[in-house]
Amino acid sequence: MGKFYTHLPPHLVSWILSQPIFFVSTAPLSAKGHINVSPKGTFPNINSFGYISTSQSQSQSSDKRKPVAQFWYLDLSGSGSETISHLYEPSNARITIMFCEFAPDSAPRIVRLFGHGRVLECGTDNFKKWTKKEGVEVIPGARSVVVVEVELVGDSCGFAVPVMEFRERREVLCELWRKKVKVKGERVEGGKGEETMERYWAYKNAWSLDGLPGMEVARRIGEKEGIKPIEKMVGPMANDLPCARRKRYGESSIWTVILQVLLTAIVVLVGERLLGFA
C-alpha cells in the first residue's frame, strides 16, 4: 500500500543513497510544452548526489510549508537543458525525483521526492560556496548542482517493475570530459573548433525544446560572442516548433538592427507627411 510522508524516514534515506540510478521529471507551465524525464546515473567514488536533513539545511523555499529535506545532485553537461529551463521558468520550479528497486534479491519499491528545485550554475559564487560547504567534488563537465526542496515523499510498491541485475556504471560521459580537460586544459570541443566550456554551453544548453531560456551563462556568452545555438530539430515541421523560433545570436541581432532602422525611417516619413513637411 502506498504511503506519503511529510518527513523522510531514515530507512528510506539509506536505501536512496545506495541506488545506482534515479529519474528526474519536470514540466513547463504551458499546456503545449513538453514534459521531460531524465535518467541520472550516479558516479563511482564521487559524492554526486545526496540528502540534507531539514535541521542541517538552509532552506530557500518560498512556500509556507516547511520542506521535508533537501535532495541534491551534480548535473553533468549534455546536449539538452530541459530541467534547468523548467526550474528557471518564473513561478514554476516543480520537480519530482524517482527511485526504483530493480534488484532480484530486494523487495520491490518506488520512492518519489516531490518538491521545487533551484539551479546553482558552475562558476557562480553560490555554486562555489555550496559545493565547498557540502564537500562536493566538482568533476570535469559539471555544469550545475540542482537542489530540491522536498515537500512530500511517496513510497509505493513496484510490483510491475521488472527485475534487473545491476552490472556496472557507465562512465562514458565522465571519461569524455576528463579527456577533454586533460588534453585541452580548460577547453573542450563545442561549436566551432576548440572552445571554452561556456561556449559549449552556449552552443547546446542555451534554450529548451520549447524555446525557454536555459543556462544563464550560456545565453550571456552566446549573445556576447554571437554563437548560434545548435539546430536539433529534423523534419518538414521543424521550423514551426518553438525551439526553431527562439532568439538566434549573431544573425538575429543583425536583423533586429535592420528592422529597427526600417521602422524608424517609416515613422519619420509618416511624421513628416502628417506635419506637412513633405
Protein backbone atom coordinates (compact mmCIF):
# COMPACT_ATOMS: atom_id res chain seq x y z
CA MET A 1 0.00 0.00 0.00
CA GLY A 2 1.37 3.39 -0.97
CA LYS A 3 2.18 5.95 1.72
CA PHE A 4 3.01 9.64 1.63
CA TYR A 5 5.29 11.13 4.25
CA THR A 6 5.72 14.69 5.41
CA HIS A 7 9.18 13.64 6.55
CA LEU A 8 11.89 11.43 5.07
CA PRO A 9 12.04 8.16 7.08
CA PRO A 10 15.60 7.04 7.98
CA HIS A 11 15.16 3.64 6.31
CA LEU A 12 14.39 5.37 3.01
CA VAL A 13 17.45 7.63 3.28
CA SER A 14 19.89 4.72 3.37
CA TRP A 15 18.05 2.99 0.52
CA ILE A 16 18.04 6.15 -1.64
CA LEU A 17 21.76 6.74 -1.16
CA SER A 18 22.54 3.19 -2.29
CA GLN A 19 20.81 3.49 -5.68
CA PRO A 20 22.84 3.47 -8.93
CA ILE A 21 20.20 5.41 -10.89
CA PHE A 22 17.30 7.81 -10.39
CA PHE A 23 14.93 9.75 -12.65
CA VAL A 24 14.22 13.47 -12.77
CA SER A 25 10.94 14.86 -14.12
CA THR A 26 9.99 18.49 -14.79
CA ALA A 27 7.49 20.31 -16.99
CA PRO A 28 6.94 23.82 -18.37
CA LEU A 29 3.91 25.81 -17.28
CA SER A 30 2.42 25.92 -20.78
CA ALA A 31 -0.06 23.17 -21.59
CA LYS A 32 1.57 22.97 -25.03
CA GLY A 33 5.01 22.42 -23.51
CA HIS A 34 6.80 19.09 -23.33
CA ILE A 35 7.23 17.17 -20.08
CA ASN A 36 10.79 15.99 -19.57
CA VAL A 37 12.12 12.85 -17.85
CA SER A 38 15.87 12.35 -17.46
CA PRO A 39 17.71 9.29 -16.08
CA LYS A 40 20.65 10.12 -13.84
CA GLY A 41 23.37 7.58 -13.22
CA THR A 42 25.37 8.00 -10.03
CA PHE A 43 29.17 8.19 -10.23
CA PRO A 44 31.54 5.73 -8.55
CA ASN A 45 33.73 7.10 -5.75
CA ILE A 46 32.25 10.59 -6.18
CA ASN A 47 29.83 12.45 -3.93
CA SER A 48 27.43 13.08 -6.83
CA PHE A 49 24.03 13.19 -5.10
CA GLY A 50 22.75 13.32 -1.58
CA TYR A 51 20.30 14.24 1.11
CA ILE A 52 20.39 17.07 3.65
CA SER A 53 18.02 16.96 6.60
CA THR A 54 15.87 19.99 7.34
CA SER A 55 17.78 20.71 10.54
CA GLN A 56 21.08 20.87 8.60
CA SER A 57 19.88 22.73 5.53
CA GLN A 58 19.35 26.42 4.91
CA SER A 59 16.08 26.17 3.06
CA GLN A 60 15.27 28.79 0.43
CA SER A 61 11.72 27.63 -0.15
CA SER A 62 9.17 30.45 -0.52
CA ASP A 63 6.36 28.03 0.33
CA LYS A 64 4.76 28.35 3.78
CA ARG A 65 5.10 24.59 4.17
CA LYS A 66 8.37 23.57 5.78
CA PRO A 67 10.38 21.36 3.40
CA VAL A 68 10.84 17.74 4.43
CA ALA A 69 14.51 17.85 3.47
CA GLN A 70 16.82 18.82 0.66
CA PHE A 71 17.90 16.46 -2.08
CA TRP A 72 20.66 17.46 -4.48
CA TYR A 73 22.58 16.08 -7.43
CA LEU A 74 25.58 17.11 -9.51
CA ASP A 75 24.46 17.83 -13.07
CA LEU A 76 26.87 17.00 -15.90
CA SER A 77 26.99 18.82 -19.25
CA GLY A 78 24.95 17.25 -22.02
CA SER A 79 23.15 18.05 -25.24
CA GLY A 80 19.96 19.41 -23.62
CA SER A 81 18.88 21.64 -20.74
CA GLU A 82 15.20 20.86 -20.18
CA THR A 83 15.40 20.50 -16.40
CA ILE A 84 17.34 23.75 -15.99
CA SER A 85 14.93 25.64 -18.25
CA HIS A 86 11.86 24.42 -16.37
CA LEU A 87 13.36 25.28 -12.98
CA TYR A 88 14.26 28.77 -14.23
CA GLU A 89 10.75 29.45 -15.55
CA PRO A 90 9.06 32.10 -13.35
CA SER A 91 6.51 30.67 -10.87
CA ASN A 92 7.44 27.11 -11.83
CA ALA A 93 10.42 25.11 -10.48
CA ARG A 94 8.30 21.98 -9.92
CA ILE A 95 10.32 18.78 -9.90
CA THR A 96 9.96 15.11 -8.97
CA ILE A 97 12.79 12.67 -8.29
CA MET A 98 12.01 8.94 -8.61
CA PHE A 99 13.96 5.91 -7.42
CA CYS A 100 13.11 2.31 -8.32
CA GLU A 101 14.29 -1.00 -6.91
CA PHE A 102 15.30 -3.40 -9.68
CA ALA A 103 17.49 -5.88 -7.78
CA PRO A 104 16.27 -9.53 -7.76
CA ASP A 105 17.17 -10.02 -4.09
CA SER A 106 15.34 -6.90 -2.82
CA ALA A 107 11.69 -6.10 -2.20
CA PRO A 108 10.07 -4.03 -5.00
CA ARG A 109 9.87 -0.34 -4.19
CA ILE A 110 9.30 3.05 -5.81
CA VAL A 111 10.12 6.26 -3.95
CA ARG A 112 9.26 9.72 -5.24
CA LEU A 113 10.50 13.04 -3.87
CA PHE A 114 8.09 15.85 -4.76
CA GLY A 115 9.21 19.46 -4.46
CA HIS A 116 10.63 22.57 -6.04
CA GLY A 117 14.17 22.92 -7.34
CA ARG A 118 16.79 25.57 -7.92
CA VAL A 119 19.87 25.61 -10.10
CA LEU A 120 23.36 26.59 -8.97
CA GLU A 121 25.36 27.08 -12.16
CA CYS A 122 29.02 26.11 -12.26
CA GLY A 123 31.31 29.10 -11.84
CA THR A 124 28.86 31.22 -9.83
CA ASP A 125 29.54 32.26 -6.23
CA ASN A 126 26.54 30.26 -5.00
CA PHE A 127 27.85 27.14 -6.75
CA LYS A 128 31.33 27.57 -5.26
CA LYS A 129 30.05 28.21 -1.74
CA TRP A 130 27.55 25.35 -1.83
CA THR A 131 29.93 22.71 -3.18
CA LYS A 132 32.61 23.74 -0.69
CA LYS A 133 30.16 23.64 2.21
CA GLU A 134 28.82 20.19 1.26
CA GLY A 135 32.20 18.77 0.25
CA VAL A 136 31.14 18.07 -3.33
CA GLU A 137 33.91 17.26 -5.80
CA VAL A 138 33.40 19.34 -8.94
CA ILE A 139 34.42 16.92 -11.68
CA PRO A 140 35.19 17.89 -15.31
CA GLY A 141 32.00 18.59 -17.26
CA ALA A 142 29.89 19.58 -14.24
CA ARG A 143 27.56 22.41 -15.22
CA SER A 144 25.41 22.84 -12.12
CA VAL A 145 24.08 21.49 -8.86
CA VAL A 146 20.31 21.01 -8.69
CA VAL A 147 18.95 21.44 -5.16
CA VAL A 148 15.42 20.19 -4.46
CA GLU A 149 13.33 21.43 -1.55
CA VAL A 150 11.47 18.18 -0.87
CA GLU A 151 7.89 18.81 0.28
CA LEU A 152 6.41 15.32 0.09
CA VAL A 153 7.79 11.77 -0.04
CA GLY A 154 5.86 8.98 -1.74
CA ASP A 155 6.67 5.32 -1.03
CA SER A 156 4.85 2.65 -3.02
CA CYS A 157 5.24 -0.89 -4.26
CA GLY A 158 6.90 -1.67 -7.56
CA PHE A 159 5.17 -4.94 -8.34
CA ALA A 160 5.11 -4.19 -12.08
CA VAL A 161 8.73 -3.00 -12.23
CA PRO A 162 10.93 -5.65 -13.90
CA VAL A 163 13.70 -7.44 -12.06
CA MET A 164 17.09 -6.47 -13.46
CA GLU A 165 20.60 -7.11 -12.28
CA PHE A 166 22.97 -4.17 -11.99
CA ARG A 167 26.26 -4.88 -13.79
CA GLU A 168 28.30 -1.70 -13.75
CA ARG A 169 28.16 2.06 -14.02
CA ARG A 170 28.60 3.61 -17.43
CA GLU A 171 31.44 6.15 -17.26
CA VAL A 172 31.50 7.26 -20.89
CA LEU A 173 30.35 10.83 -20.18
CA CYS A 174 32.68 11.33 -17.21
CA GLU A 175 35.62 9.93 -19.17
CA LEU A 176 34.79 12.13 -22.16
CA TRP A 177 35.07 15.31 -20.09
CA ARG A 178 38.16 14.08 -18.24
CA LYS A 179 39.99 13.51 -21.54
CA LYS A 180 38.98 16.87 -22.97
CA VAL A 181 40.12 18.75 -19.88
CA LYS A 182 43.35 16.75 -19.68
CA VAL A 183 44.23 17.23 -23.36
CA LYS A 184 42.96 20.77 -23.86
CA GLY A 185 43.32 22.27 -20.40
CA GLU A 186 40.05 24.03 -19.67
CA ARG A 187 38.95 23.85 -23.31
CA VAL A 188 36.53 21.45 -24.94
CA GLU A 189 35.03 20.81 -28.34
CA GLY A 190 31.86 22.82 -28.81
CA GLY A 191 30.52 24.82 -31.71
CA LYS A 192 33.48 25.67 -33.93
CA GLY A 193 36.80 24.09 -33.10
CA GLU A 194 38.25 24.33 -29.62
CA GLU A 195 36.01 26.32 -27.32
CA THR A 196 35.68 27.07 -23.66
CA MET A 197 33.13 25.18 -21.62
CA GLU A 198 30.95 28.29 -21.61
CA ARG A 199 30.90 28.31 -25.42
CA TYR A 200 29.92 24.63 -25.42
CA TRP A 201 27.01 25.50 -23.13
CA ALA A 202 26.04 28.44 -25.38
CA TYR A 203 26.02 26.08 -28.35
CA LYS A 204 23.91 23.34 -26.72
CA ASN A 205 22.38 24.47 -23.41
CA ALA A 206 21.05 27.98 -24.02
CA TRP A 207 17.45 27.04 -24.85
CA SER A 208 14.96 24.28 -24.12
CA LEU A 209 12.92 22.19 -26.52
CA ASP A 210 10.04 24.65 -26.12
CA GLY A 211 12.21 27.74 -26.57
CA LEU A 212 12.54 28.52 -22.85
CA PRO A 213 15.79 30.13 -21.62
CA GLY A 214 18.36 27.61 -20.42
CA MET A 215 21.67 28.21 -18.65
CA GLU A 216 22.23 31.88 -17.85
CA VAL A 217 25.95 31.75 -18.60
CA ALA A 218 25.19 30.03 -21.93
CA ARG A 219 22.86 32.80 -23.04
CA ARG A 220 25.21 35.53 -21.84
CA ILE A 221 28.24 34.13 -23.65
CA GLY A 222 26.17 33.26 -26.71
CA GLU A 223 24.88 36.81 -27.05
CA LYS A 224 28.30 38.34 -26.36
CA GLU A 225 30.19 36.18 -28.86
CA GLY A 226 27.44 35.67 -31.44
CA ILE A 227 27.18 31.89 -31.05
CA LYS A 228 24.33 30.33 -32.98
CA PRO A 229 22.69 27.51 -30.96
CA ILE A 230 22.77 24.04 -32.47
CA GLU A 231 19.85 23.06 -34.66
CA LYS A 232 18.32 19.93 -33.12
CA MET A 233 15.01 19.69 -34.94
CA VAL A 234 14.70 17.50 -38.03
CA GLY A 235 11.73 17.16 -40.40
CA PRO A 236 9.35 19.26 -42.53
CA MET A 237 7.56 20.75 -39.49
CA ALA A 238 10.76 21.62 -37.58
CA ASN A 239 10.59 25.35 -38.34
CA ASP A 240 7.14 25.60 -36.74
CA LEU A 241 8.33 24.36 -33.35
CA PRO A 242 9.02 26.86 -30.54
CA CYS A 243 12.71 25.99 -30.35
CA ALA A 244 13.12 26.95 -34.02
CA ARG A 245 11.70 30.40 -33.27
CA ARG A 246 14.00 31.10 -30.34
CA LYS A 247 16.39 34.02 -30.36
CA ARG A 248 19.33 33.38 -32.67
CA TYR A 249 22.50 35.08 -31.55
CA GLY A 250 24.55 36.91 -34.13
CA GLU A 251 22.24 36.79 -37.12
CA SER A 252 19.16 37.70 -35.05
CA SER A 253 20.85 40.81 -33.66
CA ILE A 254 21.75 41.97 -37.19
CA TRP A 255 18.19 41.53 -38.42
CA THR A 256 16.91 43.30 -35.31
CA VAL A 257 19.06 46.33 -36.11
CA ILE A 258 17.89 46.35 -39.75
CA LEU A 259 14.24 46.13 -38.65
CA GLN A 260 14.72 48.96 -36.16
CA VAL A 261 16.27 51.17 -38.86
CA LEU A 262 13.40 50.47 -41.27
CA LEU A 263 10.75 51.16 -38.62
CA THR A 264 12.49 54.39 -37.64
CA ALA A 265 12.58 55.53 -41.27
CA ILE A 266 8.88 54.74 -41.72
CA VAL A 267 7.94 56.65 -38.56
CA VAL A 268 9.98 59.67 -39.67
CA LEU A 269 8.41 59.70 -43.16
CA VAL A 270 4.90 59.35 -41.81
CA GLY A 271 5.55 62.08 -39.27
CA GLU A 272 6.85 64.47 -41.94
CA ARG A 273 3.78 63.90 -44.11
CA LEU A 274 1.40 64.43 -41.20
CA LEU A 275 3.15 67.66 -40.24
CA GLY A 276 3.22 68.89 -43.84
CA PHE A 277 6.98 68.81 -44.28
CA ALA A 278 6.73 66.74 -47.47
